[in-house]
Amino acid sequence: MYRVIMNGIMRLKKGDTIALVTPSWAGPAQYPWVFDQGIQRLKELGFVIKEFSSTRAGQAELQANPKLRADDINAAFRDPEVKGIIASIGGEDSIRILPYLDKEVVMKNPKFFMGFSDTTTLLVWLRMHGIISFHGPSVMAGFAEQGSFPTEFRDHLEAMLFSDWSRFTLRPYAEWTEQILPWEKKENLGIKRIFEPNKGWNVVNNVEGERRGELFGGCIEVLEFLKGTEYWPAKEFWSGKVLFLENSEEAPSIDRIKRILRNYGAQGVFERITGLLIGRGCNYDNDSKKDLERAVYQVVVEEYGGKHVPIIANMDFGHTFPQWILPIGGMVELDTGEKRLELIESPFIS
């Protein structure tokens, strides 16, 4: 198995300073009331917050200065006061900052770094440099949840981040939502979105017995940005990986998903991975979710011979809420028969 992980990530604790960075879209500048609600929730969890010059910068400044964004991320890794870093929100051009990241500084100071969506580019960059990264909620899309902060979500955050665990079972949340209450209206911050019961995971390809592997993945559209670049994994990297994929709120067509998956097939990925996890389809109706699962089975199993690959869909990560924290580079064990997914080693050191 091609698995080179450098120093572990220090476990977070209450009272730690968390840096908030804006790798892409200027959400904090456009909707500061949403950003501030996310900050308040982080403070309620016990964190001290630190911002940088680009954290609340406007879109024109961020668009013109990818190096400015990267410099603040480098500064957050360099800063001994900072114990963890969380992205404010996603966007569409964080790939532009990758050439300006200071590899030496980051590798000498590995830290908890979390985000999702467009932040997938940074999560992959970190993993490819031997540092475990964390696919999970951002400040504005996750921590700044409208209305109340769900107890079940808070419990997951506290257990994952603060508890001294060696194995961690990931279970479906009781309910979920993708309802949009526009951020333009400040009063929407106090309105709880409509949640619906979680019907659980769907086994797309049942493979007998347990499978283990290293988590790797992210937003399927953003991963496309990286293909063909120096930041994309080599062929041998995929051996022993459990690949997880989820779609953005743009809800790419099922045909597009099939074409993207065929690219993975052509790379030989499905010959090498030990599992495939699919996040709950965001902004798909029930029929489209079924079509998505059929498309995954068609490409992976029928077209590329992945009969050995256990596949589970409708899982609690990605662009629906609430979502899990998934350590990219962490080891997992899955069992489709039992519908069980478990982190089998902690990505943290005490």
Foldseek 3Di string as FASTA:
>chain_A
DPAFADDFAAFDDAAAEEEEAALAALVCQVQVLLLVLLVVLVVVLRYHYDYDPHRNDHRVVCVVPNLVRQVVVLVLQQDPRHAAYFYQAAHAPSVVNVVNHDLVSCSVRPHEYEEADLCLLVQLLQVVSNGKYKYAHGSNQASLAAADNDPVLSVQVCCQRPNPDFKFWDFADQKWDLDDDDSVDVVRSNPHDDIDGQPGKDWLAAAADKAKAFEDEGELVSVVVCPPHPSDDALVVLARYAYEYEHALVQDALVVVLVSLVVCLVSVNLVHYQEYEYAAHHPDPPVRSVSNSVSCCCRNCVVRNNNNYTYMYHGAGDNMPDHHMDIRSFMWMAHSVVRIIMGNGRSHDD
